[in-house]
C-alpha atoms as a PDB file:
ATOM      1  CA  UNK A   1    -129.486 -53.106 -42.682  1.00  0.00           C
ATOM      2  CA  UNK A   2    -129.327 -54.963 -46.020  1.00  0.00           C
ATOM      3  CA  UNK A   3    -126.406 -53.079 -47.559  1.00  0.00           C
ATOM      4  CA  UNK A   4    -123.896 -51.110 -45.568  1.00  0.00           C
ATOM      5  CA  UNK A   5    -121.516 -48.539 -47.093  1.00  0.00           C
ATOM      6  CA  UNK A   6    -118.795 -47.988 -44.543  1.00  0.00           C
ATOM      7  CA  UNK A   7    -115.761 -45.716 -44.339  1.00  0.00           C
ATOM      8  CA  UNK A   8    -112.396 -47.269 -43.404  1.00  0.00           C
ATOM      9  CA  UNK A   9    -110.089 -44.287 -42.925  1.00  0.00           C
ATOM     10  CA  UNK A  10    -108.668 -45.829 -39.745  1.00  0.00           C
ATOM     11  CA  UNK A  11    -109.740 -49.414 -40.366  1.00  0.00           C
ATOM     12  CA  UNK A  12    -106.237 -50.627 -39.544  1.00  0.00           C
ATOM     13  CA  UNK A  13    -105.587 -48.925 -36.207  1.00  0.00           C
ATOM     14  CA  UNK A  14    -106.847 -47.854 -32.802  1.00  0.00           C
ATOM     15  CA  UNK A  15    -106.771 -44.286 -31.505  1.00  0.00           C
ATOM     16  CA  UNK A  16    -104.856 -43.619 -28.302  1.00  0.00           C
ATOM     17  CA  UNK A  17    -106.914 -43.157 -25.091  1.00  0.00           C
ATOM     18  CA  UNK A  18    -107.607 -39.604 -23.912  1.00  0.00           C
ATOM     19  CA  UNK A  19    -105.207 -39.867 -20.959  1.00  0.00           C
ATOM     20  CA  UNK A  20    -102.382 -41.023 -23.239  1.00  0.00           C
ATOM     21  CA  UNK A  21    -103.103 -38.197 -25.681  1.00  0.00           C
ATOM     22  CA  UNK A  22    -102.967 -35.571 -22.917  1.00  0.00           C
ATOM     23  CA  UNK A  23     -99.719 -36.999 -21.544  1.00  0.00           C
ATOM     24  CA  UNK A  24     -98.150 -36.974 -24.993  1.00  0.00           C
ATOM     25  CA  UNK A  25     -99.307 -33.433 -25.712  1.00  0.00           C
ATOM     26  CA  UNK A  26     -97.938 -32.319 -22.342  1.00  0.00           C
ATOM     27  CA  UNK A  27     -94.559 -33.876 -23.223  1.00  0.00           C
ATOM     28  CA  UNK A  28     -94.502 -32.072 -26.592  1.00  0.00           C
ATOM     29  CA  UNK A  29     -95.290 -28.765 -24.858  1.00  0.00           C
ATOM     30  CA  UNK A  30     -92.600 -29.372 -22.214  1.00  0.00           C
ATOM     31  CA  UNK A  31     -90.004 -30.029 -24.918  1.00  0.00           C
ATOM     32  CA  UNK A  32     -91.006 -26.892 -26.854  1.00  0.00           C
ATOM     33  CA  UNK A  33     -90.618 -24.775 -23.710  1.00  0.00           C
ATOM     34  CA  UNK A  34     -87.206 -26.258 -22.962  1.00  0.00           C
ATOM     35  CA  UNK A  35     -86.009 -25.746 -26.552  1.00  0.00           C
ATOM     36  CA  UNK A  36     -87.790 -22.391 -27.050  1.00  0.00           C
ATOM     37  CA  UNK A  37     -89.412 -23.914 -30.117  1.00  0.00           C
ATOM     38  CA  UNK A  38     -92.699 -23.609 -31.952  1.00  0.00           C
ATOM     39  CA  UNK A  39     -95.441 -26.225 -32.171  1.00  0.00           C
ATOM     40  CA  UNK A  40     -97.292 -25.794 -35.463  1.00  0.00           C
ATOM     41  CA  UNK A  41    -100.658 -27.564 -35.596  1.00  0.00           C
ATOM     42  CA  UNK A  42    -102.283 -27.670 -39.061  1.00  0.00           C
ATOM     43  CA  UNK A  43    -105.964 -27.947 -38.250  1.00  0.00           C
ATOM     44  CA  UNK A  44    -109.342 -27.983 -39.937  1.00  0.00           C
ATOM     45  CA  UNK A  45    -111.197 -24.805 -38.973  1.00  0.00           C
ATOM     46  CA  UNK A  46    -114.513 -26.491 -38.095  1.00  0.00           C
ATOM     47  CA  UNK A  47    -114.608 -28.630 -34.927  1.00  0.00           C
ATOM     48  CA  UNK A  48    -111.014 -29.941 -35.035  1.00  0.00           C
ATOM     49  CA  UNK A  49    -109.477 -26.624 -34.022  1.00  0.00           C
ATOM     50  CA  UNK A  50    -112.091 -26.147 -31.299  1.00  0.00           C
ATOM     51  CA  UNK A  51    -111.374 -29.643 -29.918  1.00  0.00           C
ATOM     52  CA  UNK A  52    -107.667 -28.842 -29.675  1.00  0.00           C
ATOM     53  CA  UNK A  53    -108.347 -25.475 -28.037  1.00  0.00           C
ATOM     54  CA  UNK A  54    -110.674 -27.164 -25.547  1.00  0.00           C
ATOM     55  CA  UNK A  55    -108.167 -29.835 -24.537  1.00  0.00           C
ATOM     56  CA  UNK A  56    -105.465 -27.180 -24.124  1.00  0.00           C
ATOM     57  CA  UNK A  57    -107.886 -25.235 -21.917  1.00  0.00           C
ATOM     58  CA  UNK A  58    -108.588 -28.348 -19.818  1.00  0.00           C
ATOM     59  CA  UNK A  59    -104.879 -29.131 -19.462  1.00  0.00           C
ATOM     60  CA  UNK A  60    -104.110 -25.551 -18.470  1.00  0.00           C
ATOM     61  CA  UNK A  61    -106.906 -25.562 -15.912  1.00  0.00           C
ATOM     62  CA  UNK A  62    -105.886 -28.921 -14.408  1.00  0.00           C
ATOM     63  CA  UNK A  63    -102.191 -28.144 -14.436  1.00  0.00           C
ATOM     64  CA  UNK A  64    -101.290 -31.210 -16.511  1.00  0.00           C
ATOM     65  CA  UNK A  65     -99.331 -29.057 -18.968  1.00  0.00           C
ATOM     66  CA  UNK A  66     -97.049 -26.070 -18.564  1.00  0.00           C
ATOM     67  CA  UNK A  67     -98.304 -22.672 -19.689  1.00  0.00           C
ATOM     68  CA  UNK A  68     -97.285 -21.759 -23.227  1.00  0.00           C
ATOM     69  CA  UNK A  69     -98.479 -18.907 -25.489  1.00  0.00           C
ATOM     70  CA  UNK A  70    -101.136 -20.136 -27.932  1.00  0.00           C
ATOM     71  CA  UNK A  71    -101.949 -18.400 -31.228  1.00  0.00           C
ATOM     72  CA  UNK A  72    -104.963 -19.375 -33.327  1.00  0.00           C
ATOM     73  CA  UNK A  73    -104.053 -18.022 -36.747  1.00  0.00           C
ATOM     74  CA  UNK A  74    -107.081 -18.581 -38.952  1.00  0.00           C
ATOM     75  CA  UNK A  75    -109.878 -16.032 -39.491  1.00  0.00           C
ATOM     76  CA  UNK A  76    -112.379 -18.813 -40.255  1.00  0.00           C
ATOM     77  CA  UNK A  77    -111.403 -20.711 -37.097  1.00  0.00           C
ATOM     78  CA  UNK A  78    -111.867 -17.537 -35.058  1.00  0.00           C
ATOM     79  CA  UNK A  79    -115.311 -16.867 -36.541  1.00  0.00           C
ATOM     80  CA  UNK A  80    -116.463 -20.449 -35.927  1.00  0.00           C
ATOM     81  CA  UNK A  81    -115.065 -20.485 -32.386  1.00  0.00           C
ATOM     82  CA  UNK A  82    -116.868 -17.243 -31.578  1.00  0.00           C
ATOM     83  CA  UNK A  83    -120.125 -18.833 -32.767  1.00  0.00           C
ATOM     84  CA  UNK A  84    -119.484 -21.981 -30.735  1.00  0.00           C
ATOM     85  CA  UNK A  85    -118.799 -19.865 -27.671  1.00  0.00           C
ATOM     86  CA  UNK A  86    -121.840 -17.629 -28.185  1.00  0.00           C
ATOM     87  CA  UNK A  87    -124.193 -20.597 -28.546  1.00  0.00           C
ATOM     88  CA  UNK A  88    -122.447 -23.116 -26.286  1.00  0.00           C
ATOM     89  CA  UNK A  89    -125.639 -23.608 -24.280  1.00  0.00           C
ATOM     90  CA  UNK A  90    -127.962 -24.058 -27.260  1.00  0.00           C
ATOM     91  CA  UNK A  91    -126.053 -26.106 -29.857  1.00  0.00           C
ATOM     92  CA  UNK A  92    -126.383 -29.882 -29.598  1.00  0.00           C
ATOM     93  CA  UNK A  93    -123.098 -30.213 -27.693  1.00  0.00           C
ATOM     94  CA  UNK A  94    -122.878 -33.230 -25.414  1.00  0.00           C
ATOM     95  CA  UNK A  95    -123.602 -32.875 -21.707  1.00  0.00           C
ATOM     96  CA  UNK A  96    -119.931 -33.237 -20.730  1.00  0.00           C
ATOM     97  CA  UNK A  97    -118.986 -30.176 -22.758  1.00  0.00           C
ATOM     98  CA  UNK A  98    -121.925 -28.151 -21.474  1.00  0.00           C
ATOM     99  CA  UNK A  99    -121.021 -29.005 -17.864  1.00  0.00           C
ATOM    100  CA  UNK A 100    -117.385 -28.084 -18.462  1.00  0.00           C
ATOM    101  CA  UNK A 101    -118.336 -24.827 -20.202  1.00  0.00           C
ATOM    102  CA  UNK A 102    -120.552 -23.813 -17.272  1.00  0.00           C
ATOM    103  CA  UNK A 103    -117.833 -24.589 -14.728  1.00  0.00           C
ATOM    104  CA  UNK A 104    -115.005 -23.023 -16.722  1.00  0.00           C
ATOM    105  CA  UNK A 105    -116.840 -20.003 -18.084  1.00  0.00           C
ATOM    106  CA  UNK A 106    -114.361 -19.624 -20.960  1.00  0.00           C
ATOM    107  CA  UNK A 107    -113.865 -23.076 -22.547  1.00  0.00           C
ATOM    108  CA  UNK A 108    -112.211 -21.665 -25.674  1.00  0.00           C
ATOM    109  CA  UNK A 109    -109.733 -19.565 -23.744  1.00  0.00           C
ATOM    110  CA  UNK A 110    -110.568 -16.134 -25.120  1.00  0.00           C
ATOM    111  CA  UNK A 111    -108.963 -14.560 -22.026  1.00  0.00           C
ATOM    112  CA  UNK A 112    -105.507 -16.043 -22.652  1.00  0.00           C
ATOM    113  CA  UNK A 113    -105.362 -17.516 -26.176  1.00  0.00           C
ATOM    114  CA  UNK A 114    -104.309 -15.071 -28.872  1.00  0.00           C
ATOM    115  CA  UNK A 115    -106.787 -15.185 -31.755  1.00  0.00           C
ATOM    116  CA  UNK A 116    -105.123 -13.750 -34.862  1.00  0.00           C
ATOM    117  CA  UNK A 117    -107.269 -12.173 -37.557  1.00  0.00           C
ATOM    118  CA  UNK A 118    -105.177  -9.732 -39.595  1.00  0.00           C
ATOM    119  CA  UNK A 119    -102.455 -10.643 -42.072  1.00  0.00           C
ATOM    120  CA  UNK A 120    -100.033  -8.323 -40.280  1.00  0.00           C
ATOM    121  CA  UNK A 121    -100.548 -10.095 -36.948  1.00  0.00           C
ATOM    122  CA  UNK A 122    -100.004 -13.425 -38.673  1.00  0.00           C
ATOM    123  CA  UNK A 123     -96.774 -12.314 -40.311  1.00  0.00           C
ATOM    124  CA  UNK A 124     -95.509 -10.909 -37.009  1.00  0.00           C
ATOM    125  CA  UNK A 125     -95.516 -14.422 -35.510  1.00  0.00           C
ATOM    126  CA  UNK A 126     -92.571 -15.286 -37.753  1.00  0.00           C
ATOM    127  CA  UNK A 127     -90.497 -12.604 -36.006  1.00  0.00           C
ATOM    128  CA  UNK A 128     -91.257 -13.912 -32.503  1.00  0.00           C
ATOM    129  CA  UNK A 129     -89.155 -16.665 -30.952  1.00  0.00           C
ATOM    130  CA  UNK A 130     -90.784 -19.616 -29.225  1.00  0.00           C
ATOM    131  CA  UNK A 131     -91.956 -21.259 -27.193  1.00  0.00           C
ATOM    132  CA  UNK A 132     -95.446 -21.048 -28.638  1.00  0.00           C
ATOM    133  CA  UNK A 133     -98.237 -23.083 -30.190  1.00  0.00           C
ATOM    134  CA  UNK A 134     -99.653 -21.955 -33.550  1.00  0.00           C
ATOM    135  CA  UNK A 135    -102.959 -23.525 -34.638  1.00  0.00           C
ATOM    136  CA  UNK A 136    -103.636 -22.701 -38.282  1.00  0.00           C
ATOM    137  CA  UNK A 137    -105.515 -23.942 -41.341  1.00  0.00           C
ATOM    138  CA  UNK A 138    -105.538 -25.829 -43.607  1.00  0.00           C
ATOM    139  CA  UNK A 139    -105.566 -29.238 -41.974  1.00  0.00           C
ATOM    140  CA  UNK A 140    -103.673 -31.031 -44.762  1.00  0.00           C
ATOM    141  CA  UNK A 141    -101.217 -28.150 -45.340  1.00  0.00           C
ATOM    142  CA  UNK A 142    -102.523 -27.538 -48.851  1.00  0.00           C
ATOM    143  CA  UNK A 143    -103.349 -23.861 -48.394  1.00  0.00           C
ATOM    144  CA  UNK A 144    -103.977 -21.133 -45.854  1.00  0.00           C
ATOM    145  CA  UNK A 145    -101.717 -19.401 -43.378  1.00  0.00           C
ATOM    146  CA  UNK A 146    -100.175 -22.596 -42.038  1.00  0.00           C
ATOM    147  CA  UNK A 147     -98.029 -22.732 -45.181  1.00  0.00           C
ATOM    148  CA  UNK A 148     -96.321 -19.460 -44.206  1.00  0.00           C
ATOM    149  CA  UNK A 149     -95.535 -20.817 -40.737  1.00  0.00           C
ATOM    150  CA  UNK A 150     -94.184 -24.043 -42.205  1.00  0.00           C
ATOM    151  CA  UNK A 151     -92.073 -22.162 -44.736  1.00  0.00           C
ATOM    152  CA  UNK A 152     -90.460 -20.109 -41.969  1.00  0.00           C
ATOM    153  CA  UNK A 153     -89.975 -22.913 -39.432  1.00  0.00           C
ATOM    154  CA  UNK A 154     -89.776 -26.315 -41.165  1.00  0.00           C
ATOM    155  CA  UNK A 155     -85.966 -26.166 -41.306  1.00  0.00           C
ATOM    156  CA  UNK A 156     -85.549 -25.588 -37.545  1.00  0.00           C
ATOM    157  CA  UNK A 157     -84.793 -28.552 -35.274  1.00  0.00           C
ATOM    158  CA  UNK A 158     -86.726 -27.037 -32.372  1.00  0.00           C
ATOM    159  CA  UNK A 159     -89.945 -26.890 -34.431  1.00  0.00           C
ATOM    160  CA  UNK A 160     -92.618 -29.555 -33.999  1.00  0.00           C
ATOM    161  CA  UNK A 161     -95.306 -30.047 -36.633  1.00  0.00           C
ATOM    162  CA  UNK A 162     -98.182 -31.809 -34.888  1.00  0.00           C
ATOM    163  CA  UNK A 163    -100.512 -33.630 -37.307  1.00  0.00           C
ATOM    164  CA  UNK A 164    -103.988 -34.025 -35.785  1.00  0.00           C
ATOM    165  CA  UNK A 165    -106.098 -35.185 -38.721  1.00  0.00           C
ATOM    166  CA  UNK A 166    -106.130 -37.539 -41.665  1.00  0.00           C
ATOM    167  CA  UNK A 167    -103.677 -36.602 -44.412  1.00  0.00           C
ATOM    168  CA  UNK A 168    -104.748 -37.664 -47.887  1.00  0.00           C
ATOM    169  CA  UNK A 169    -102.202 -39.097 -50.316  1.00  0.00           C
ATOM    170  CA  UNK A 170    -100.497 -36.403 -52.377  1.00  0.00           C
ATOM    171  CA  UNK A 171    -100.900 -33.616 -49.808  1.00  0.00           C
ATOM    172  CA  UNK A 172     -98.033 -31.758 -48.160  1.00  0.00           C
ATOM    173  CA  UNK A 173     -99.258 -32.986 -44.784  1.00  0.00           C
ATOM    174  CA  UNK A 174     -99.002 -36.600 -45.946  1.00  0.00           C
ATOM    175  CA  UNK A 175     -95.482 -36.077 -47.317  1.00  0.00           C
ATOM    176  CA  UNK A 176     -94.382 -34.654 -43.982  1.00  0.00           C
ATOM    177  CA  UNK A 177     -96.116 -37.468 -42.127  1.00  0.00           C
ATOM    178  CA  UNK A 178     -94.362 -40.048 -44.324  1.00  0.00           C
ATOM    179  CA  UNK A 179     -90.958 -38.626 -43.410  1.00  0.00           C
ATOM    180  CA  UNK A 180     -89.959 -36.517 -46.431  1.00  0.00           C
ATOM    181  CA  UNK A 181     -86.560 -34.876 -45.996  1.00  0.00           C
ATOM    182  CA  UNK A 182     -87.353 -32.080 -48.463  1.00  0.00           C
ATOM    183  CA  UNK A 183     -90.698 -30.583 -49.416  1.00  0.00           C
ATOM    184  CA  UNK A 184     -91.945 -27.858 -51.730  1.00  0.00           C
ATOM    185  CA  UNK A 185     -93.766 -24.912 -50.178  1.00  0.00           C
ATOM    186  CA  UNK A 186     -94.904 -22.121 -52.504  1.00  0.00           C
ATOM    187  CA  UNK A 187     -92.840 -23.776 -55.233  1.00  0.00           C
ATOM    188  CA  UNK A 188     -89.536 -23.648 -53.328  1.00  0.00           C
ATOM    189  CA  UNK A 189     -87.673 -26.613 -51.829  1.00  0.00           C
ATOM    190  CA  UNK A 190     -87.217 -26.651 -48.060  1.00  0.00           C
ATOM    191  CA  UNK A 191     -85.195 -29.038 -45.894  1.00  0.00           C
ATOM    192  CA  UNK A 192     -87.260 -30.697 -43.170  1.00  0.00           C
ATOM    193  CA  UNK A 193     -85.435 -30.510 -39.848  1.00  0.00           C
ATOM    194  CA  UNK A 194     -88.589 -30.182 -37.723  1.00  0.00           C
ATOM    195  CA  UNK A 195     -89.997 -33.082 -35.746  1.00  0.00           C
ATOM    196  CA  UNK A 196     -93.186 -34.426 -37.310  1.00  0.00           C
ATOM    197  CA  UNK A 197     -95.585 -35.873 -34.728  1.00  0.00           C
ATOM    198  CA  UNK A 198     -99.000 -37.443 -35.358  1.00  0.00           C
ATOM    199  CA  UNK A 199    -101.851 -37.738 -32.854  1.00  0.00           C
ATOM    200  CA  UNK A 200    -104.812 -39.729 -34.192  1.00  0.00           C
ATOM    201  CA  UNK A 201    -106.769 -39.076 -30.988  1.00  0.00           C
ATOM    202  CA  UNK A 202    -108.241 -35.869 -32.400  1.00  0.00           C
ATOM    203  CA  UNK A 203    -109.556 -37.479 -35.569  1.00  0.00           C
ATOM    204  CA  UNK A 204    -113.302 -37.423 -36.122  1.00  0.00           C
ATOM    205  CA  UNK A 205    -113.055 -40.726 -37.996  1.00  0.00           C
ATOM    206  CA  UNK A 206    -113.847 -43.896 -36.065  1.00  0.00           C
ATOM    207  CA  UNK A 207    -111.007 -46.342 -35.474  1.00  0.00           C
ATOM    208  CA  UNK A 208    -111.214 -50.068 -36.206  1.00  0.00           C
ATOM    209  CA  UNK A 209    -112.678 -50.811 -32.754  1.00  0.00           C
ATOM    210  CA  UNK A 210    -115.540 -48.346 -33.231  1.00  0.00           C
ATOM    211  CA  UNK A 211    -116.201 -49.568 -36.779  1.00  0.00           C
ATOM    212  CA  UNK A 212    -116.317 -53.195 -35.659  1.00  0.00           C
ATOM    213  CA  UNK A 213    -118.596 -52.309 -32.743  1.00  0.00           C
ATOM    214  CA  UNK A 214    -121.036 -50.673 -35.160  1.00  0.00           C
ATOM    215  CA  UNK A 215    -121.231 -53.739 -37.424  1.00  0.00           C
ATOM    216  CA  UNK A 216    -121.488 -56.180 -34.504  1.00  0.00           C
ATOM    217  CA  UNK A 217    -124.241 -54.043 -32.997  1.00  0.00           C
ATOM    218  CA  UNK A 218    -126.562 -54.675 -35.954  1.00  0.00           C
ATOM    219  CA  UNK A 219    -129.344 -57.193 -35.454  1.00  0.00           C
ATOM    220  CA  UNK A 220    -127.873 -59.352 -38.244  1.00  0.00           C
ATOM    221  CA  UNK A 221    -124.949 -59.056 -40.675  1.00  0.00           C
ATOM    222  CA  UNK A 222    -125.790 -57.119 -43.857  1.00  0.00           C
ATOM    223  CA  UNK A 223    -125.993 -58.943 -47.198  1.00  0.00           C
ATOM    224  CA  UNK A 224    -122.974 -56.933 -48.298  1.00  0.00           C
ATOM    225  CA  UNK A 225    -120.675 -54.370 -46.745  1.00  0.00           C
ATOM    226  CA  UNK A 226    -119.017 -51.944 -49.162  1.00  0.00           C
ATOM    227  CA  UNK A 227    -115.765 -50.627 -47.706  1.00  0.00           C
ATOM    228  CA  UNK A 228    -114.951 -47.136 -48.988  1.00  0.00           C
ATOM    229  CA  UNK A 229    -113.116 -43.933 -48.004  1.00  0.00           C
ATOM    230  CA  UNK A 230    -109.808 -45.450 -46.980  1.00  0.00           C
ATOM    231  CA  UNK A 231    -106.372 -46.184 -48.352  1.00  0.00           C
ATOM    232  CA  UNK A 232    -106.045 -49.702 -49.847  1.00  0.00           C
ATOM    233  CA  UNK A 233    -104.057 -50.890 -46.822  1.00  0.00           C
ATOM    234  CA  UNK A 234    -106.722 -49.706 -44.372  1.00  0.00           C
ATOM    235  CA  UNK A 235    -109.589 -51.204 -46.416  1.00  0.00           C
ATOM    236  CA  UNK A 236    -107.855 -54.575 -46.713  1.00  0.00           C
ATOM    237  CA  UNK A 237    -107.038 -54.608 -43.020  1.00  0.00           C
ATOM    238  CA  UNK A 238    -110.614 -53.866 -42.001  1.00  0.00           C
ATOM    239  CA  UNK A 239    -111.957 -56.527 -44.360  1.00  0.00           C
ATOM    240  CA  UNK A 240    -109.647 -58.924 -42.500  1.00  0.00           C
ATOM    241  CA  UNK A 241    -111.004 -57.796 -39.119  1.00  0.00           C
ATOM    242  CA  UNK A 242    -114.555 -58.388 -40.334  1.00  0.00           C
ATOM    243  CA  UNK A 243    -113.620 -61.828 -41.642  1.00  0.00           C
ATOM    244  CA  UNK A 244    -112.172 -62.713 -38.237  1.00  0.00           C
ATOM    245  CA  UNK A 245    -115.622 -61.921 -36.807  1.00  0.00           C
ATOM    246  CA  UNK A 246    -117.258 -64.272 -39.315  1.00  0.00           C
ATOM    247  CA  UNK A 247    -118.459 -61.489 -41.625  1.00  0.00           C
ATOM    248  CA  UNK A 248    -117.235 -62.304 -45.113  1.00  0.00           C
ATOM    249  CA  UNK A 249    -119.651 -60.503 -47.438  1.00  0.00           C
ATOM    250  CA  UNK A 250    -117.376 -57.503 -47.934  1.00  0.00           C
ATOM    251  CA  UNK A 251    -116.706 -55.634 -51.163  1.00  0.00           C
ATOM    252  CA  UNK A 252    -113.802 -53.250 -51.854  1.00  0.00           C
ATOM    253  CA  UNK A 253    -115.115 -51.249 -54.826  1.00  0.00           C
ATOM    254  CA  UNK A 254    -112.829 -49.868 -57.512  1.00  0.00           C
ATOM    255  CA  UNK A 255    -113.203 -46.277 -58.656  1.00  0.00           C
ATOM    256  CA  UNK A 256    -116.237 -45.987 -60.941  1.00  0.00           C
ATOM    257  CA  UNK A 257    -117.421 -49.535 -60.280  1.00  0.00           C
ATOM    258  CA  UNK A 258    -121.190 -50.004 -60.052  1.00  0.00           C
ATOM    259  CA  UNK A 259    -123.372 -52.640 -58.384  1.00  0.00           C
ATOM    260  CA  UNK A 260    -126.933 -53.845 -58.785  1.00  0.00           C
ATOM    261  CA  UNK A 261    -128.649 -54.492 -55.467  1.00  0.00           C
ATOM    262  CA  UNK A 262    -131.293 -57.166 -55.086  1.00  0.00           C
END
């Protein structure tokens, strides 16, 4: 590789191990059951939602988490999950998933998870008390049905908003993640009394360890590494990690900047 263009979304951190993530999720579920609260998970409809559903299915099957009603409130998520389930033996899923799917028979929990399609079913969730988990799009809380669930529950102390993906600057998800006390939803101000939790484990972006392993696995360092797709703090941090490994030919491009390659 002569020139490497590399994302740095999580260039300044490590994701938690799978066991830690399951233990933390189990604790969040336990608290919601005790407080009769709702866990709202804003999730991307493609792959992220299915990963969360799968880990909930595994935890339910192994007994590592208490049973709690789960509602998947996103028509697109439902359609994608149905396709994943229909073709679970023919898509290029990894062998671990295929083995689990064969043993479990219902890896996406269609027999016990409530998949919500209609608007009326979605609205009815606001009239039901917890405990429950609601998985809904969009992942950065910028649109979709999750906004209705946030509007109706963000001011309740027994609500948990569980962030499971990267939140870009300027999005509602990022404002919640950064600890905002008041946020606008559909143009109206709402007090934030809910707990805001973040689990980076589910992210599809590599952490700094994976990024470093990729660079160190090359046969020789590239002439230049362009660090993109990350907040300034994350890009600077990863440039520092590369420098510590003796790799100094890094560039942090500005917006619109161009380069001539040899």
